[in-house]
């Protein structure tokens, strides 16, 4: 900061730019070095906390800076210079912060940290105090476990019993690390049942283990949020279907793994999130019908031999076509989840409408291509091209190609 200030003032007595390059390189190396002290927490560290099983990267930095400047600057300097062991630093941070956070001196620190992040600090100190054992234990685990069975559960139970002899509050945070390794987060309840010997939430709701269920509900809430969609925009299909899949898997998996009281805190929130997910997708599915109606407009008229006909006067913008294409693709991708998601009835009604509406539009446009009467051939072709694009989005390229061939045959026979 001193060098930058001198440079900004126009001082040219020293090679300030070269000095800054050296210092910034050193600063980056030092940051990487001190962050390695918290490697045991890495699966839980994020830049933006949305769940109770996450730790804010800014909190980690505050903890280190407070230790470095106020709690034990001598040991921190020795570590930075390579004269202290990593384990010594980790134990010192855990023990000195445990003392410090309950002292009269800690008010300023807690104000900087934020009282709402006190639980994160508890997790940091608990895991850091046993970091060597925990890192060694999880080193044998794959990054992702597809089935949390006895191969992992039995050693986990024994390891937890070893840890709680000296660190009795560590179990929920250990389970946070377990959850971070799971392809199916709800399987963490297999670990809960094994280490607590409880298979329902009746007792757990009044213990520190409550945060494990809270973390799953926070994760479910995040997936429900990812399913939101402003209906006149382009949906992120991959993200939304992925969120739908994970949300439904968690809802069904939770109830199959662990018994919860529907009237309890977990049960009520789980029901609320499940209902919100269903409501969202019913709304999304219904919006597809409206968008197709606008992209393939019809009006009263008997030019094609029925009571309605394509409204060829309507100008359909490219943005509207693209939005409808993507909405149809979303409809197709979401349909297999309709039963589990609770929107089967709505899906079936909209599918029936789409089939009938697009079939009528196709038959009428083919008749008009064959004999356009007083209709503009250019308008007919324009609406036929839209139909082909939407058919590709809804039924696939092969179905769209069939329409194209029928259109060419109608024109040739005119």
Protein backbone atom coordinates (compact mmCIF):
# COMPACT_ATOMS: atom_id res chain seq x y z
CA UNK A 1 0.00 0.00 0.00
CA UNK A 2 2.88 2.36 0.79
CA UNK A 3 4.54 1.68 -2.56
CA UNK A 4 1.27 2.14 -4.46
CA UNK A 5 0.67 5.45 -2.68
CA UNK A 6 4.17 6.72 -3.52
CA UNK A 7 3.73 5.66 -7.15
CA UNK A 8 0.37 7.42 -7.33
CA UNK A 9 2.01 10.61 -5.99
CA UNK A 10 4.45 10.57 -8.89
CA UNK A 11 7.55 9.53 -6.95
CA UNK A 12 10.19 8.11 -9.33
CA UNK A 13 13.09 7.61 -6.91
CA UNK A 14 12.61 3.83 -6.76
CA UNK A 15 11.60 1.12 -9.31
CA UNK A 16 8.12 0.89 -7.85
CA UNK A 17 6.60 -1.20 -10.63
CA UNK A 18 9.29 -3.88 -10.32
CA UNK A 19 8.85 -3.91 -6.55
CA UNK A 20 5.09 -4.34 -6.89
CA UNK A 21 5.53 -7.28 -9.25
CA UNK A 22 7.79 -9.01 -6.73
CA UNK A 23 5.53 -8.26 -3.78
CA UNK A 24 2.34 -9.36 -5.55
CA UNK A 25 3.98 -12.61 -6.59
CA UNK A 26 5.07 -13.17 -3.01
CA UNK A 27 1.58 -12.28 -1.75
CA UNK A 28 -0.01 -14.85 -4.07
CA UNK A 29 2.39 -17.54 -2.90
CA UNK A 30 1.77 -16.64 0.74
CA UNK A 31 -1.99 -16.79 0.25
CA UNK A 32 -1.74 -20.22 -1.33
CA UNK A 33 0.43 -21.29 1.58
CA UNK A 34 -1.86 -20.14 4.39
CA UNK A 35 -4.96 -21.44 2.63
CA UNK A 36 -3.39 -24.91 2.66
CA UNK A 37 -3.84 -24.82 6.44
CA UNK A 38 -7.59 -25.14 5.83
CA UNK A 39 -7.47 -27.96 3.25
CA UNK A 40 -9.61 -30.18 5.46
CA UNK A 41 -12.46 -27.68 4.95
CA UNK A 42 -12.05 -27.41 1.18
CA UNK A 43 -15.18 -29.46 0.24
CA UNK A 44 -17.30 -27.01 2.25
CA UNK A 45 -15.73 -23.68 1.23
CA UNK A 46 -17.65 -21.47 -1.23
CA UNK A 47 -17.62 -17.80 -2.18
CA UNK A 48 -21.37 -17.43 -1.67
CA UNK A 49 -23.01 -19.40 1.12
CA UNK A 50 -26.53 -20.71 0.44
CA UNK A 51 -26.60 -23.71 2.80
CA UNK A 52 -25.76 -24.39 6.41
CA UNK A 53 -23.16 -27.00 5.39
CA UNK A 54 -21.08 -24.39 3.56
CA UNK A 55 -18.30 -22.12 4.82
CA UNK A 56 -17.71 -18.66 3.39
CA UNK A 57 -14.21 -18.23 1.95
CA UNK A 58 -14.23 -14.71 3.43
CA UNK A 59 -14.64 -16.21 6.92
CA UNK A 60 -11.55 -18.36 6.38
CA UNK A 61 -9.59 -15.26 5.45
CA UNK A 62 -10.81 -13.33 8.51
CA UNK A 63 -9.82 -16.22 10.78
CA UNK A 64 -6.31 -16.35 9.34
CA UNK A 65 -5.79 -12.58 9.38
CA UNK A 66 -6.96 -12.35 12.99
CA UNK A 67 -4.63 -15.17 14.04
CA UNK A 68 -1.76 -13.65 12.07
CA UNK A 69 -2.15 -10.10 13.38
CA UNK A 70 -3.61 -10.50 16.85
CA UNK A 71 -3.56 -14.00 18.32
CA UNK A 72 -0.12 -15.35 17.47
CA UNK A 73 1.83 -13.21 14.98
CA UNK A 74 5.12 -14.89 15.96
CA UNK A 75 3.93 -18.39 15.06
CA UNK A 76 2.22 -17.10 11.90
CA UNK A 77 5.48 -15.44 10.82
CA UNK A 78 7.41 -18.62 11.55
CA UNK A 79 4.93 -20.57 9.39
CA UNK A 80 5.19 -18.07 6.56
CA UNK A 81 8.98 -18.35 6.70
CA UNK A 82 8.84 -22.16 6.69
CA UNK A 83 9.97 -22.58 10.30
CA UNK A 84 6.81 -24.14 11.73
CA UNK A 85 4.91 -27.32 10.94
CA UNK A 86 1.47 -27.22 9.33
CA UNK A 87 -0.02 -29.35 12.11
CA UNK A 88 1.31 -26.97 14.75
CA UNK A 89 -0.42 -24.03 13.05
CA UNK A 90 -3.72 -25.87 12.66
CA UNK A 91 -3.78 -26.87 16.33
CA UNK A 92 -2.80 -23.36 17.40
CA UNK A 93 -5.54 -21.73 15.33
CA UNK A 94 -8.16 -24.11 16.73
CA UNK A 95 -7.12 -23.81 20.37
CA UNK A 96 -6.39 -20.08 20.46
CA UNK A 97 -9.59 -19.17 18.64
CA UNK A 98 -11.62 -21.40 20.94
CA UNK A 99 -10.25 -19.40 23.87
CA UNK A 100 -10.42 -16.06 22.10
CA UNK A 101 -14.01 -16.26 20.83
CA UNK A 102 -15.32 -16.56 24.39
CA UNK A 103 -13.19 -13.75 25.80
CA UNK A 104 -14.07 -10.09 26.35
CA UNK A 105 -11.63 -9.16 23.57
CA UNK A 106 -13.61 -10.92 20.87
CA UNK A 107 -16.40 -8.36 20.40
CA UNK A 108 -14.60 -6.52 17.61
CA UNK A 109 -13.78 -9.80 15.86
CA UNK A 110 -17.37 -11.08 16.05
CA UNK A 111 -18.60 -7.75 14.70
CA UNK A 112 -16.27 -8.15 11.71
CA UNK A 113 -17.16 -11.81 11.25
CA UNK A 114 -20.91 -11.39 11.67
CA UNK A 115 -22.86 -13.08 14.44
CA UNK A 116 -24.80 -15.10 11.85
CA UNK A 117 -21.54 -16.78 10.84
CA UNK A 118 -20.69 -18.04 14.32
CA UNK A 119 -21.83 -21.55 13.32
CA UNK A 120 -19.32 -21.51 10.47
CA UNK A 121 -16.58 -20.62 12.94
CA UNK A 122 -17.60 -23.56 15.14
CA UNK A 123 -17.33 -25.92 12.15
CA UNK A 124 -13.93 -24.49 11.20
CA UNK A 125 -12.47 -24.92 14.67
CA UNK A 126 -13.91 -28.39 15.21
CA UNK A 127 -12.60 -29.78 11.92
CA UNK A 128 -9.30 -27.91 12.11
CA UNK A 129 -8.56 -29.34 15.55
CA UNK A 130 -8.65 -32.87 14.08
CA UNK A 131 -7.52 -32.02 10.56
CA UNK A 132 -4.67 -34.55 10.35
CA UNK A 133 -6.87 -37.52 11.26
CA UNK A 134 -9.74 -36.33 9.04
CA UNK A 135 -7.57 -35.73 5.99
CA UNK A 136 -5.98 -39.16 6.41
CA UNK A 137 -9.39 -40.79 6.77
CA UNK A 138 -10.94 -39.25 3.65
CA UNK A 139 -7.79 -39.77 1.58
CA UNK A 140 -8.98 -43.36 1.05
CA UNK A 141 -12.39 -42.21 -0.25
CA UNK A 142 -13.09 -41.55 -3.95
CA UNK A 143 -14.17 -38.04 -4.93
CA UNK A 144 -17.70 -39.31 -5.59
CA UNK A 145 -19.40 -42.27 -3.92
CA UNK A 146 -22.36 -43.69 -5.82
CA UNK A 147 -23.46 -46.04 -3.03
CA UNK A 148 -22.68 -45.35 0.62
CA UNK A 149 -22.54 -48.91 1.93
CA UNK A 150 -20.84 -50.75 4.80
CA UNK A 151 -17.50 -50.43 3.06
CA UNK A 152 -17.61 -46.78 4.11
CA UNK A 153 -20.14 -46.76 6.94
CA UNK A 154 -18.42 -49.17 9.31
CA UNK A 155 -15.05 -47.34 9.30
CA UNK A 156 -16.94 -44.03 9.54
CA UNK A 157 -18.76 -45.13 12.69
CA UNK A 158 -15.50 -46.22 14.33
CA UNK A 159 -13.73 -43.03 13.24
CA UNK A 160 -16.51 -40.82 14.60
CA UNK A 161 -16.36 -42.59 17.97
CA UNK A 162 -12.62 -41.94 18.07
CA UNK A 163 -13.06 -38.23 17.30
CA UNK A 164 -15.85 -37.49 19.75
CA UNK A 165 -13.76 -38.63 22.70
CA UNK A 166 -11.87 -35.33 22.51
CA UNK A 167 -14.11 -33.30 20.17
CA UNK A 168 -17.71 -34.12 21.13
CA UNK A 169 -19.32 -31.56 18.80
CA UNK A 170 -17.60 -32.72 15.61
CA UNK A 171 -20.09 -35.33 14.29
CA UNK A 172 -22.40 -33.05 12.22
CA UNK A 173 -19.40 -31.38 10.58
CA UNK A 174 -17.84 -34.76 9.84
CA UNK A 175 -21.12 -35.70 8.17
CA UNK A 176 -20.98 -32.50 6.11
CA UNK A 177 -17.70 -33.82 4.67
CA UNK A 178 -19.30 -37.22 4.07
CA UNK A 179 -22.18 -35.56 2.22
CA UNK A 180 -19.72 -33.68 -0.01
CA UNK A 181 -18.51 -37.05 -1.36
CA UNK A 182 -21.97 -38.42 -2.20
CA UNK A 183 -23.48 -38.60 -5.67
CA UNK A 184 -26.86 -38.83 -3.91
CA UNK A 185 -26.85 -36.40 -0.97
CA UNK A 186 -29.79 -38.08 0.79
CA UNK A 187 -27.60 -41.12 1.45
CA UNK A 188 -25.97 -39.09 4.21
CA UNK A 189 -28.85 -40.37 6.36
CA UNK A 190 -27.31 -43.83 6.13
CA UNK A 191 -24.31 -42.30 7.87
CA UNK A 192 -26.56 -40.48 10.34
CA UNK A 193 -28.28 -43.73 11.26
CA UNK A 194 -24.99 -45.58 11.61
CA UNK A 195 -23.22 -43.05 13.84
CA UNK A 196 -26.25 -42.00 15.93
CA UNK A 197 -28.17 -45.29 15.89
CA UNK A 198 -31.32 -43.26 15.18
CA UNK A 199 -33.57 -43.82 12.15
CA UNK A 200 -36.16 -41.07 12.75
CA UNK A 201 -36.05 -37.34 13.33
CA UNK A 202 -37.92 -37.41 16.67
CA UNK A 203 -34.78 -37.16 18.79
CA UNK A 204 -32.42 -35.54 16.29
CA UNK A 205 -34.49 -32.37 16.00
CA UNK A 206 -33.41 -31.39 19.52
CA UNK A 207 -29.70 -32.10 19.02
CA UNK A 208 -26.81 -30.60 17.07
CA UNK A 209 -27.51 -33.22 14.38
CA UNK A 210 -30.47 -31.13 13.21
CA UNK A 211 -28.14 -29.20 10.91
CA UNK A 212 -27.60 -32.29 8.74
CA UNK A 213 -31.26 -32.33 7.70
CA UNK A 214 -31.28 -28.54 7.46
CA UNK A 215 -28.36 -28.73 5.01
CA UNK A 216 -30.28 -31.15 2.77
CA UNK A 217 -33.33 -28.91 2.85
CA UNK A 218 -31.16 -25.91 1.96
CA UNK A 219 -29.78 -27.88 -0.98
CA UNK A 220 -33.29 -28.84 -2.07
CA UNK A 221 -34.36 -25.19 -1.84
CA UNK A 222 -31.46 -24.30 -4.13
CA UNK A 223 -32.57 -26.82 -6.73
CA UNK A 224 -36.15 -25.59 -6.53
CA UNK A 225 -34.85 -22.06 -7.13
CA UNK A 226 -32.88 -23.26 -10.19
CA UNK A 227 -36.16 -24.54 -11.66
CA UNK A 228 -37.55 -21.00 -11.87
CA UNK A 229 -38.08 -19.64 -15.38
CA UNK A 230 -39.41 -16.37 -16.75
CA UNK A 231 -41.68 -17.78 -19.42
CA UNK A 232 -40.94 -15.26 -22.15
CA UNK A 233 -37.19 -15.87 -21.89
CA UNK A 234 -34.94 -18.65 -23.18
CA UNK A 235 -34.88 -21.44 -20.57
CA UNK A 236 -31.59 -22.99 -19.48
CA UNK A 237 -32.80 -26.51 -20.22
CA UNK A 238 -29.75 -28.40 -18.93
CA UNK A 239 -29.72 -26.49 -15.65
CA UNK A 240 -33.48 -26.73 -15.06
CA UNK A 241 -33.79 -30.43 -15.87
CA UNK A 242 -30.72 -31.19 -13.79
CA UNK A 243 -32.23 -29.31 -10.85
CA UNK A 244 -35.57 -31.10 -11.31
CA UNK A 245 -33.84 -34.49 -11.40
CA UNK A 246 -31.77 -33.81 -8.27
CA UNK A 247 -34.71 -32.31 -6.37
CA UNK A 248 -37.02 -35.26 -7.05
CA UNK A 249 -34.25 -37.74 -6.28
CA UNK A 250 -33.63 -36.04 -2.94
CA UNK A 251 -37.32 -35.90 -2.03
CA UNK A 252 -37.97 -39.58 -2.80
CA UNK A 253 -34.60 -40.71 -1.48
CA UNK A 254 -34.95 -38.90 1.83
CA UNK A 255 -38.29 -40.52 2.66
CA UNK A 256 -36.97 -43.96 1.72
CA UNK A 257 -33.78 -43.59 3.79
CA UNK A 258 -35.07 -41.90 6.92
CA UNK A 259 -38.38 -41.53 8.75
CA UNK A 260 -39.49 -37.95 9.37
CA UNK A 261 -42.52 -36.57 11.13
CA UNK A 262 -44.73 -34.75 8.57
CA UNK A 263 -45.73 -32.29 11.30
CA UNK A 264 -42.13 -31.65 12.36
CA UNK A 265 -39.82 -28.89 11.13
CA UNK A 266 -38.18 -31.10 8.49
CA UNK A 267 -41.46 -32.63 7.37
CA UNK A 268 -43.21 -29.29 6.96
CA UNK A 269 -40.37 -27.73 5.00
CA UNK A 270 -39.92 -30.79 2.82
CA UNK A 271 -43.64 -30.77 1.97
CA UNK A 272 -43.54 -27.03 1.23
CA UNK A 273 -40.57 -27.32 -1.12
CA UNK A 274 -42.07 -30.37 -2.84
CA UNK A 275 -45.34 -28.50 -3.40
CA UNK A 276 -43.49 -25.45 -4.72
CA UNK A 277 -41.55 -27.63 -7.17
CA UNK A 278 -44.78 -29.16 -8.48
CA UNK A 279 -46.43 -25.73 -8.76
CA UNK A 280 -43.46 -24.36 -10.70
CA UNK A 281 -43.49 -27.13 -13.27
CA UNK A 282 -47.24 -27.02 -13.74
CA UNK A 283 -46.82 -23.34 -14.57
CA UNK A 284 -43.93 -24.06 -16.94
CA UNK A 285 -45.87 -26.77 -18.78
CA UNK A 286 -48.97 -24.59 -19.12
CA UNK A 287 -46.88 -21.75 -20.56
CA UNK A 288 -45.78 -24.02 -23.44
CA UNK A 289 -49.38 -24.22 -24.66
CA UNK A 290 -49.67 -20.42 -24.69
CA UNK A 291 -46.40 -19.98 -26.55
CA UNK A 292 -47.28 -22.54 -29.23
CA UNK A 293 -50.69 -20.87 -29.68
CA UNK A 294 -48.91 -17.59 -30.37
CA UNK A 295 -46.22 -19.07 -32.63
CA UNK A 296 -48.72 -21.14 -34.65
CA UNK A 297 -51.72 -18.74 -34.61
CA UNK A 298 -55.15 -19.74 -35.84
CA UNK A 299 -58.35 -17.80 -36.52
CA UNK A 300 -61.92 -18.43 -37.51
CA UNK A 301 -62.16 -19.28 -41.19
CA UNK A 302 -63.22 -22.06 -43.55
CA UNK A 303 -60.56 -21.81 -46.25
CA UNK A 304 -59.29 -25.28 -45.33
CA UNK A 305 -62.65 -26.94 -44.80
CA UNK A 306 -62.85 -26.60 -41.01
CA UNK A 307 -64.07 -23.90 -38.63
CA UNK A 308 -60.57 -22.49 -38.03
CA UNK A 309 -57.50 -21.98 -40.17
CA UNK A 310 -53.92 -20.66 -39.83
CA UNK A 311 -53.85 -16.91 -39.15
CA UNK A 312 -51.44 -16.04 -41.94
CA UNK A 313 -51.64 -12.31 -41.25
CA UNK A 314 -49.81 -12.67 -37.95
CA UNK A 315 -46.12 -11.77 -38.04
CA UNK A 316 -44.11 -14.08 -35.77
CA UNK A 317 -40.76 -12.66 -34.69
CA UNK A 318 -37.59 -14.75 -34.64
CA UNK A 319 -37.21 -14.26 -30.88
CA UNK A 320 -40.71 -15.67 -30.30
CA UNK A 321 -39.93 -18.68 -32.47
CA UNK A 322 -36.67 -19.41 -30.62
CA UNK A 323 -38.40 -19.04 -27.24
CA UNK A 324 -41.12 -21.47 -28.31
CA UNK A 325 -38.59 -23.97 -29.70
CA UNK A 326 -36.75 -23.99 -26.40
CA UNK A 327 -39.98 -24.20 -24.39
CA UNK A 328 -41.00 -27.28 -26.40
CA UNK A 329 -37.60 -28.88 -25.79
CA UNK A 330 -38.02 -28.18 -22.07
CA UNK A 331 -41.47 -29.79 -22.21
CA UNK A 332 -40.04 -32.92 -23.82
CA UNK A 333 -37.14 -33.16 -21.35
CA UNK A 334 -39.40 -32.61 -18.31
CA UNK A 335 -42.11 -35.07 -19.35
CA UNK A 336 -40.44 -38.21 -17.93
CA UNK A 337 -40.44 -36.53 -14.50
CA UNK A 338 -44.16 -35.67 -14.56
CA UNK A 339 -45.29 -38.55 -12.34
CA UNK A 340 -42.71 -38.02 -9.59
CA UNK A 341 -43.05 -34.25 -9.92
CA UNK A 342 -46.82 -34.20 -9.54
CA UNK A 343 -47.63 -32.53 -12.86
CA UNK A 344 -48.82 -35.56 -14.90
CA UNK A 345 -52.34 -34.25 -15.44
CA UNK A 346 -51.13 -30.89 -16.72
CA UNK A 347 -48.48 -32.53 -18.92
CA UNK A 348 -51.06 -34.87 -20.47
CA UNK A 349 -53.52 -32.04 -21.19
CA UNK A 350 -50.85 -29.89 -22.81
CA UNK A 351 -49.48 -32.83 -24.82
CA UNK A 352 -52.99 -33.53 -26.13
CA UNK A 353 -53.37 -29.87 -27.12
CA UNK A 354 -49.96 -29.76 -28.83
CA UNK A 355 -50.64 -32.91 -30.84
CA UNK A 356 -54.03 -31.66 -32.03
CA UNK A 357 -52.99 -28.04 -32.66
CA UNK A 358 -49.85 -28.90 -34.60
CA UNK A 359 -51.65 -31.59 -36.61
CA UNK A 360 -54.41 -29.15 -37.59
CA UNK A 361 -51.83 -26.52 -38.52
CA UNK A 362 -49.89 -29.00 -40.62
CA UNK A 363 -52.97 -30.31 -42.49
CA UNK A 364 -54.25 -26.81 -43.19
CA UNK A 365 -50.92 -25.43 -44.37
CA UNK A 366 -50.44 -28.43 -46.67
CA UNK A 367 -53.88 -27.79 -48.20
CA UNK A 368 -53.01 -24.14 -48.70
CA UNK A 369 -49.66 -25.01 -50.27
CA UNK A 370 -51.54 -27.24 -52.71
CA UNK A 371 -54.24 -24.66 -53.40
CA UNK A 372 -53.67 -21.29 -51.78
CA UNK A 373 -56.80 -19.66 -53.17
CA UNK A 374 -56.55 -15.97 -52.24
CA UNK A 375 -53.83 -16.52 -49.59
CA UNK A 376 -50.29 -15.27 -50.10
CA UNK A 377 -47.91 -18.07 -51.01
CA UNK A 378 -45.14 -16.23 -49.17
CA UNK A 379 -47.19 -16.10 -45.94
CA UNK A 380 -48.06 -19.79 -46.22
CA UNK A 381 -44.41 -20.75 -46.68
CA UNK A 382 -43.35 -18.56 -43.75
CA UNK A 383 -45.82 -20.20 -41.36
CA UNK A 384 -44.98 -23.63 -42.74
CA UNK A 385 -41.29 -23.01 -41.95
CA UNK A 386 -42.23 -22.11 -38.37
CA UNK A 387 -44.27 -25.29 -38.07
CA UNK A 388 -41.32 -27.34 -39.28
CA UNK A 389 -38.98 -25.78 -36.69
CA UNK A 390 -41.41 -26.33 -33.83
CA UNK A 391 -42.06 -29.90 -34.95
CA UNK A 392 -38.31 -30.56 -34.81
CA UNK A 393 -38.19 -29.18 -31.27
CA UNK A 394 -41.19 -31.22 -30.15
CA UNK A 395 -41.04 -34.46 -32.11
CA UNK A 396 -37.50 -34.50 -33.48
CA UNK A 397 -35.70 -33.92 -36.75
CA UNK A 398 -37.13 -37.02 -38.44
CA UNK A 399 -40.72 -35.84 -37.93
CA UNK A 400 -39.75 -32.39 -39.18
CA UNK A 401 -38.19 -33.91 -42.28
CA UNK A 402 -41.42 -35.79 -43.01
CA UNK A 403 -43.29 -32.46 -42.91
CA UNK A 404 -40.76 -30.94 -45.29
CA UNK A 405 -41.24 -33.74 -47.81
CA UNK A 406 -45.03 -33.43 -47.59
CA UNK A 407 -44.74 -29.71 -48.15
CA UNK A 408 -42.61 -30.16 -51.25
CA UNK A 409 -45.07 -32.73 -52.58
CA UNK A 410 -48.00 -30.35 -52.00
CA UNK A 411 -46.26 -27.54 -53.89
CA UNK A 412 -45.32 -29.88 -56.75
CA UNK A 413 -48.92 -31.07 -57.07
CA UNK A 414 -50.35 -27.52 -57.06
